Amino acid sequence: MGHPDFRVRGKIFATLAWPDAGWGMVKLTPEQQRMFVRGGPAAFLPVPGGWGRRGSTNVRLALARPAAVRGALVAA
């Protein structure tokens, strides 16, 4: 798809540079997504549409605390 992705057993759990450079995406549960968005609303945003309703979450990397990104990756 033109951007790096990270997989376990063939399933993507995170990407970099999506939707643009400086962003990432993690696949969380809707409950996990709410927790990360609540804790860092400037850095964590639901992906628009159906993917976001199922937990896919954009991460604005410049505004996210490293520990929060690490936690989201572990959760994903």
PDB file of N, CA and C in Angstrom:
ATOM      1  N   MET A   1       0.818  -1.205   0.000  1.00  0.00           N
ATOM      2  CA  MET A   1       0.000   0.000   0.000  1.00  0.00           C
ATOM      3  C   MET A   1       0.859   1.266   0.000  1.00  0.00           C
ATOM      4  N   GLY A   2       2.164   1.136  -0.120  1.00  0.00           N
ATOM      5  CA  GLY A   2       3.020   2.303  -0.206  1.00  0.00           C
ATOM      6  C   GLY A   2       3.470   2.879   1.123  1.00  0.00           C
ATOM      7  N   HIS A   3       3.238   2.161   2.219  1.00  0.00           N
ATOM      8  CA  HIS A   3       3.708   2.618   3.525  1.00  0.00           C
ATOM      9  C   HIS A   3       4.072   1.389   4.352  1.00  0.00           C
ATOM     10  N   PRO A   4       4.996   1.555   5.325  1.00  0.00           N
ATOM     11  CA  PRO A   4       5.375   0.408   6.150  1.00  0.00           C
ATOM     12  C   PRO A   4       4.213  -0.078   7.009  1.00  0.00           C
ATOM     13  N   ASP A   5       4.119  -1.391   7.152  1.00  0.00           N
ATOM     14  CA  ASP A   5       3.140  -1.939   8.079  1.00  0.00           C
ATOM     15  C   ASP A   5       3.803  -3.010   8.927  1.00  0.00           C
ATOM     16  N   PHE A   6       3.165  -3.312  10.026  1.00  0.00           N
ATOM     17  CA  PHE A   6       3.693  -4.274  10.990  1.00  0.00           C
ATOM     18  C   PHE A   6       2.651  -5.362  11.168  1.00  0.00           C
ATOM     19  N   ARG A   7       3.105  -6.609  11.122  1.00  0.00           N
ATOM     20  CA  ARG A   7       2.188  -7.753  11.113  1.00  0.00           C
ATOM     21  C   ARG A   7       2.598  -8.815  12.128  1.00  0.00           C
ATOM     22  N   VAL A   8       1.603  -9.524  12.575  1.00  0.00           N
ATOM     23  CA  VAL A   8       1.788 -10.739  13.356  1.00  0.00           C
ATOM     24  C   VAL A   8       0.904 -11.795  12.709  1.00  0.00           C
ATOM     25  N   ARG A   9       1.497 -12.934  12.363  1.00  0.00           N
ATOM     26  CA  ARG A   9       0.774 -14.017  11.691  1.00  0.00           C
ATOM     27  C   ARG A   9       0.001 -13.513  10.475  1.00  0.00           C
ATOM     28  N   GLY A  10       0.615 -12.597   9.726  1.00  0.00           N
ATOM     29  CA  GLY A  10       0.023 -12.104   8.493  1.00  0.00           C
ATOM     30  C   GLY A  10      -1.028 -11.020   8.653  1.00  0.00           C
ATOM     31  N   LYS A  11      -1.335 -10.622   9.885  1.00  0.00           N
ATOM     32  CA  LYS A  11      -2.359  -9.592  10.106  1.00  0.00           C
ATOM     33  C   LYS A  11      -1.709  -8.283  10.540  1.00  0.00           C
ATOM     34  N   ILE A  12      -2.102  -7.199   9.873  1.00  0.00           N
ATOM     35  CA  ILE A  12      -1.546  -5.882  10.184  1.00  0.00           C
ATOM     36  C   ILE A  12      -2.109  -5.394  11.520  1.00  0.00           C
ATOM     37  N   PHE A  13      -1.206  -4.913  12.401  1.00  0.00           N
ATOM     38  CA  PHE A  13      -1.649  -4.321  13.657  1.00  0.00           C
ATOM     39  C   PHE A  13      -1.243  -2.859  13.774  1.00  0.00           C
ATOM     40  N   ALA A  14      -0.339  -2.393  12.898  1.00  0.00           N
ATOM     41  CA  ALA A  14       0.080  -0.991  12.926  1.00  0.00           C
ATOM     42  C   ALA A  14       0.703  -0.618  11.589  1.00  0.00           C
ATOM     43  N   THR A  15       0.655   0.671  11.274  1.00  0.00           N
ATOM     44  CA  THR A  15       1.299   1.186  10.070  1.00  0.00           C
ATOM     45  C   THR A  15       1.995   2.495  10.402  1.00  0.00           C
ATOM     46  N   LEU A  16       2.922   2.891   9.545  1.00  0.00           N
ATOM     47  CA  LEU A  16       3.571   4.201   9.622  1.00  0.00           C
ATOM     48  C   LEU A  16       3.243   4.978   8.358  1.00  0.00           C
ATOM     49  N   ALA A  17       3.291   6.303   8.484  1.00  0.00           N
ATOM     50  CA  ALA A  17       3.092   7.206   7.344  1.00  0.00           C
ATOM     51  C   ALA A  17       1.723   7.032   6.703  1.00  0.00           C
ATOM     52  N   TRP A  18       0.710   6.762   7.536  1.00  0.00           N
ATOM     53  CA  TRP A  18      -0.649   6.721   7.036  1.00  0.00           C
ATOM     54  C   TRP A  18      -1.549   7.447   8.010  1.00  0.00           C
ATOM     55  N   PRO A  19      -2.308   8.412   7.626  1.00  0.00           N
ATOM     56  CA  PRO A  19      -2.615   8.750   6.250  1.00  0.00           C
ATOM     57  C   PRO A  19      -1.539   9.595   5.561  1.00  0.00           C
ATOM     58  N   ASP A  20      -0.625  10.203   6.324  1.00  0.00           N
ATOM     59  CA  ASP A  20       0.461  11.015   5.769  1.00  0.00           C
ATOM     60  C   ASP A  20       1.703  10.825   6.620  1.00  0.00           C
ATOM     61  N   ALA A  21       2.836  11.367   6.134  1.00  0.00           N
ATOM     62  CA  ALA A  21       4.067  11.350   6.927  1.00  0.00           C
ATOM     63  C   ALA A  21       3.774  12.010   8.277  1.00  0.00           C
ATOM     64  N   GLY A  22       4.378  11.500   9.323  1.00  0.00           N
ATOM     65  CA  GLY A  22       4.153  12.033  10.659  1.00  0.00           C
ATOM     66  C   GLY A  22       3.004  11.382  11.403  1.00  0.00           C
ATOM     67  N   TRP A  23       2.340  10.460  10.737  1.00  0.00           N
ATOM     68  CA  TRP A  23       1.208   9.749  11.335  1.00  0.00           C
ATOM     69  C   TRP A  23       1.486   8.253  11.368  1.00  0.00           C
ATOM     70  N   GLY A  24       0.780   7.577  12.213  1.00  0.00           N
ATOM     71  CA  GLY A  24       0.753   6.126  12.241  1.00  0.00           C
ATOM     72  C   GLY A  24      -0.677   5.688  12.482  1.00  0.00           C
ATOM     73  N   MET A  25      -0.892   4.400  12.508  1.00  0.00           N
ATOM     74  CA  MET A  25      -2.210   3.837  12.780  1.00  0.00           C
ATOM     75  C   MET A  25      -2.006   2.564  13.565  1.00  0.00           C
ATOM     76  N   VAL A  26      -2.824   2.364  14.586  1.00  0.00           N
ATOM     77  CA  VAL A  26      -2.827   1.116  15.353  1.00  0.00           C
ATOM     78  C   VAL A  26      -4.230   0.555  15.358  1.00  0.00           C
ATOM     79  N   LYS A  27      -4.327  -0.757  15.299  1.00  0.00           N
ATOM     80  CA  LYS A  27      -5.631  -1.421  15.360  1.00  0.00           C
ATOM     81  C   LYS A  27      -5.875  -1.839  16.800  1.00  0.00           C
ATOM     82  N   LEU A  28      -6.821  -1.164  17.416  1.00  0.00           N
ATOM     83  CA  LEU A  28      -7.187  -1.411  18.801  1.00  0.00           C
ATOM     84  C   LEU A  28      -8.621  -1.922  18.857  1.00  0.00           C
ATOM     85  N   THR A  29      -9.044  -2.343  20.022  1.00  0.00           N
ATOM     86  CA  THR A  29     -10.465  -2.594  20.221  1.00  0.00           C
ATOM     87  C   THR A  29     -11.137  -1.230  20.425  1.00  0.00           C
ATOM     88  N   PRO A  30     -12.437  -1.131  20.215  1.00  0.00           N
ATOM     89  CA  PRO A  30     -13.109   0.152  20.479  1.00  0.00           C
ATOM     90  C   PRO A  30     -12.890   0.654  21.913  1.00  0.00           C
ATOM     91  N   GLU A  31     -12.859  -0.249  22.872  1.00  0.00           N
ATOM     92  CA  GLU A  31     -12.636   0.150  24.270  1.00  0.00           C
ATOM     93  C   GLU A  31     -11.222   0.706  24.456  1.00  0.00           C
ATOM     94  N   GLN A  32     -10.220   0.031  23.890  1.00  0.00           N
ATOM     95  CA  GLN A  32      -8.847   0.523  23.973  1.00  0.00           C
ATOM     96  C   GLN A  32      -8.729   1.884  23.281  1.00  0.00           C
ATOM     97  N   GLN A  33      -9.382   2.011  22.136  1.00  0.00           N
ATOM     98  CA  GLN A  33      -9.351   3.275  21.403  1.00  0.00           C
ATOM     99  C   GLN A  33      -9.872   4.411  22.282  1.00  0.00           C
ATOM    100  N   ARG A  34     -11.008   4.202  22.934  1.00  0.00           N
ATOM    101  CA  ARG A  34     -11.571   5.240  23.808  1.00  0.00           C
ATOM    102  C   ARG A  34     -10.580   5.633  24.894  1.00  0.00           C
ATOM    103  N   MET A  35      -9.878   4.659  25.461  1.00  0.00           N
ATOM    104  CA  MET A  35      -8.908   4.937  26.513  1.00  0.00           C
ATOM    105  C   MET A  35      -7.759   5.809  25.990  1.00  0.00           C
ATOM    106  N   PHE A  36      -7.207   5.457  24.816  1.00  0.00           N
ATOM    107  CA  PHE A  36      -6.087   6.224  24.278  1.00  0.00           C
ATOM    108  C   PHE A  36      -6.530   7.611  23.830  1.00  0.00           C
ATOM    109  N   VAL A  37      -7.688   7.723  23.211  1.00  0.00           N
ATOM    110  CA  VAL A  37      -8.194   9.037  22.780  1.00  0.00           C
ATOM    111  C   VAL A  37      -8.447   9.910  24.004  1.00  0.00           C
ATOM    112  N   ARG A  38      -9.025   9.351  25.043  1.00  0.00           N
ATOM    113  CA  ARG A  38      -9.291  10.108  26.270  1.00  0.00           C
ATOM    114  C   ARG A  38      -7.977  10.588  26.905  1.00  0.00           C
ATOM    115  N   GLY A  39      -6.950   9.747  26.892  1.00  0.00           N
ATOM    116  CA  GLY A  39      -5.678  10.094  27.506  1.00  0.00           C
ATOM    117  C   GLY A  39      -4.792  11.006  26.673  1.00  0.00           C
ATOM    118  N   GLY A  40      -5.040  11.091  25.384  1.00  0.00           N
ATOM    119  CA  GLY A  40      -4.215  11.924  24.505  1.00  0.00           C
ATOM    120  C   GLY A  40      -4.986  12.372  23.287  1.00  0.00           C
ATOM    121  N   PRO A  41      -6.026  13.205  23.474  1.00  0.00           N
ATOM    122  CA  PRO A  41      -6.907  13.546  22.353  1.00  0.00           C
ATOM    123  C   PRO A  41      -6.228  14.297  21.202  1.00  0.00           C
ATOM    124  N   ALA A  42      -5.117  14.960  21.456  1.00  0.00           N
ATOM    125  CA  ALA A  42      -4.413  15.639  20.360  1.00  0.00           C
ATOM    126  C   ALA A  42      -3.588  14.654  19.543  1.00  0.00           C
ATOM    127  N   ALA A  43      -3.233  13.528  20.136  1.00  0.00           N
ATOM    128  CA  ALA A  43      -2.351  12.563  19.479  1.00  0.00           C
ATOM    129  C   ALA A  43      -3.088  11.357  18.912  1.00  0.00           C
ATOM    130  N   PHE A  44      -4.157  10.906  19.560  1.00  0.00           N
ATOM    131  CA  PHE A  44      -4.887   9.704  19.146  1.00  0.00           C
ATOM    132  C   PHE A  44      -6.274  10.103  18.644  1.00  0.00           C
ATOM    133  N   LEU A  45      -6.591   9.679  17.420  1.00  0.00           N
ATOM    134  CA  LEU A  45      -7.871  10.027  16.798  1.00  0.00           C
ATOM    135  C   LEU A  45      -8.440   8.796  16.102  1.00  0.00           C
ATOM    136  N   PRO A  46      -9.732   8.521  16.242  1.00  0.00           N
ATOM    137  CA  PRO A  46     -10.306   7.398  15.503  1.00  0.00           C
ATOM    138  C   PRO A  46     -10.157   7.617  13.993  1.00  0.00           C
ATOM    139  N   VAL A  47      -9.845   6.559  13.264  1.00  0.00           N
ATOM    140  CA  VAL A  47      -9.825   6.622  11.803  1.00  0.00           C
ATOM    141  C   VAL A  47     -11.261   6.918  11.359  1.00  0.00           C
ATOM    142  N   PRO A  48     -11.463   7.805  10.376  1.00  0.00           N
ATOM    143  CA  PRO A  48     -12.822   8.085   9.923  1.00  0.00           C
ATOM    144  C   PRO A  48     -13.526   6.828   9.383  1.00  0.00           C
ATOM    145  N   GLY A  49     -14.833   6.756   9.590  1.00  0.00           N
ATOM    146  CA  GLY A  49     -15.637   5.692   9.003  1.00  0.00           C
ATOM    147  C   GLY A  49     -15.664   4.408   9.815  1.00  0.00           C
ATOM    148  N   GLY A  50     -15.994   3.344   9.119  1.00  0.00           N
ATOM    149  CA  GLY A  50     -16.191   2.040   9.755  1.00  0.00           C
ATOM    150  C   GLY A  50     -14.955   1.476  10.417  1.00  0.00           C
ATOM    151  N   TRP A  51     -13.787   1.657   9.800  1.00  0.00           N
ATOM    152  CA  TRP A  51     -12.560   1.141  10.421  1.00  0.00           C
ATOM    153  C   TRP A  51     -12.371   1.771  11.793  1.00  0.00           C
ATOM    154  N   GLY A  52     -12.622   3.068  11.889  1.00  0.00           N
ATOM    155  CA  GLY A  52     -12.472   3.753  13.167  1.00  0.00           C
ATOM    156  C   GLY A  52     -13.485   3.288  14.200  1.00  0.00           C
ATOM    157  N   ARG A  53     -14.705   3.012  13.768  1.00  0.00           N
ATOM    158  CA  ARG A  53     -15.710   2.509  14.715  1.00  0.00           C
ATOM    159  C   ARG A  53     -15.316   1.143  15.261  1.00  0.00           C
ATOM    160  N   ARG A  54     -14.504   0.401  14.520  1.00  0.00           N
ATOM    161  CA  ARG A  54     -14.049  -0.923  14.986  1.00  0.00           C
ATOM    162  C   ARG A  54     -12.729  -0.835  15.753  1.00  0.00           C
ATOM    163  N   GLY A  55     -12.177   0.377  15.931  1.00  0.00           N
ATOM    164  CA  GLY A  55     -10.997   0.535  16.772  1.00  0.00           C
ATOM    165  C   GLY A  55      -9.745   1.033  16.085  1.00  0.00           C
ATOM    166  N   SER A  56      -9.721   1.100  14.751  1.00  0.00           N
ATOM    167  CA  SER A  56      -8.522   1.611  14.079  1.00  0.00           C
ATOM    168  C   SER A  56      -8.323   3.070  14.476  1.00  0.00           C
ATOM    169  N   THR A  57      -7.103   3.384  14.891  1.00  0.00           N
ATOM    170  CA  THR A  57      -6.820   4.671  15.515  1.00  0.00           C
ATOM    171  C   THR A  57      -5.592   5.315  14.888  1.00  0.00           C
ATOM    172  N   ASN A  58      -5.745   6.554  14.405  1.00  0.00           N
ATOM    173  CA  ASN A  58      -4.607   7.306  13.893  1.00  0.00           C
ATOM    174  C   ASN A  58      -3.818   7.880  15.062  1.00  0.00           C
ATOM    175  N   VAL A  59      -2.504   7.974  14.871  1.00  0.00           N
ATOM    176  CA  VAL A  59      -1.622   8.523  15.897  1.00  0.00           C
ATOM    177  C   VAL A  59      -0.809   9.647  15.272  1.00  0.00           C
ATOM    178  N   ARG A  60      -0.957  10.852  15.795  1.00  0.00           N
ATOM    179  CA  ARG A  60      -0.142  11.989  15.366  1.00  0.00           C
ATOM    180  C   ARG A  60       1.162  11.891  16.159  1.00  0.00           C
ATOM    181  N   LEU A  61       2.192  11.350  15.516  1.00  0.00           N
ATOM    182  CA  LEU A  61       3.414  10.949  16.213  1.00  0.00           C
ATOM    183  C   LEU A  61       4.125  12.094  16.915  1.00  0.00           C
ATOM    184  N   ALA A  62       4.146  13.286  16.349  1.00  0.00           N
ATOM    185  CA  ALA A  62       4.845  14.414  16.963  1.00  0.00           C
ATOM    186  C   ALA A  62       4.205  14.845  18.280  1.00  0.00           C
ATOM    187  N   LEU A  63       2.927  14.554  18.463  1.00  0.00           N
ATOM    188  CA  LEU A  63       2.214  14.968  19.674  1.00  0.00           C
ATOM    189  C   LEU A  63       2.035  13.842  20.684  1.00  0.00           C
ATOM    190  N   ALA A  64       2.379  12.637  20.306  1.00  0.00           N
ATOM    191  CA  ALA A  64       2.167  11.476  21.182  1.00  0.00           C
ATOM    192  C   ALA A  64       3.383  11.244  22.075  1.00  0.00           C
ATOM    193  N   ARG A  65       3.118  10.955  23.325  1.00  0.00           N
ATOM    194  CA  ARG A  65       4.196  10.585  24.236  1.00  0.00           C
ATOM    195  C   ARG A  65       4.724   9.202  23.846  1.00  0.00           C
ATOM    196  N   PRO A  66       6.034   9.017  23.865  1.00  0.00           N
ATOM    197  CA  PRO A  66       6.595   7.711  23.501  1.00  0.00           C
ATOM    198  C   PRO A  66       5.991   6.557  24.301  1.00  0.00           C
ATOM    199  N   ALA A  67       5.757   6.761  25.580  1.00  0.00           N
ATOM    200  CA  ALA A  67       5.177   5.687  26.396  1.00  0.00           C
ATOM    201  C   ALA A  67       3.762   5.348  25.926  1.00  0.00           C
ATOM    202  N   ALA A  68       3.004   6.355  25.500  1.00  0.00           N
ATOM    203  CA  ALA A  68       1.650   6.100  25.016  1.00  0.00           C
ATOM    204  C   ALA A  68       1.681   5.331  23.685  1.00  0.00           C
ATOM    205  N   VAL A  69       2.613   5.694  22.816  1.00  0.00           N
ATOM    206  CA  VAL A  69       2.745   4.965  21.531  1.00  0.00           C
ATOM    207  C   VAL A  69       3.136   3.518  21.800  1.00  0.00           C
ATOM    208  N   ARG A  70       4.075   3.319  22.710  1.00  0.00           N
ATOM    209  CA  ARG A  70       4.497   1.961  23.082  1.00  0.00           C
ATOM    210  C   ARG A  70       3.305   1.175  23.615  1.00  0.00           C
ATOM    211  N   GLY A  71       2.524   1.800  24.493  1.00  0.00           N
ATOM    212  CA  GLY A  71       1.360   1.131  25.040  1.00  0.00           C
ATOM    213  C   GLY A  71       0.338   0.766  23.983  1.00  0.00           C
ATOM    214  N   ALA A  72       0.133   1.666  23.028  1.00  0.00           N
ATOM    215  CA  ALA A  72      -0.813   1.379  21.939  1.00  0.00           C
ATOM    216  C   ALA A  72      -0.320   0.236  21.061  1.00  0.00           C
ATOM    217  N   LEU A  73       0.971   0.203  20.797  1.00  0.00           N
ATOM    218  CA  LEU A  73       1.527  -0.892  19.990  1.00  0.00           C
ATOM    219  C   LEU A  73       1.387  -2.233  20.700  1.00  0.00           C
ATOM    220  N   VAL A  74       1.648  -2.243  21.992  1.00  0.00           N
ATOM    221  CA  VAL A  74       1.499  -3.474  22.768  1.00  0.00           C
ATOM    222  C   VAL A  74       0.029  -3.916  22.760  1.00  0.00           C
ATOM    223  N   ALA A  75      -0.878  -2.961  22.944  1.00  0.00           N
ATOM    224  CA  ALA A  75      -2.306  -3.287  22.941  1.00  0.00           C
ATOM    225  C   ALA A  75      -2.742  -3.820  21.571  1.00  0.00           C
ATOM    226  N   ALA A  76      -2.206  -3.213  20.505  1.00  0.00           N
ATOM    227  CA  ALA A  76      -2.589  -3.631  19.160  1.00  0.00           C
ATOM    228  C   ALA A  76      -2.105  -5.046  18.898  1.00  0.00           C
TER     229      ALA A  76
END
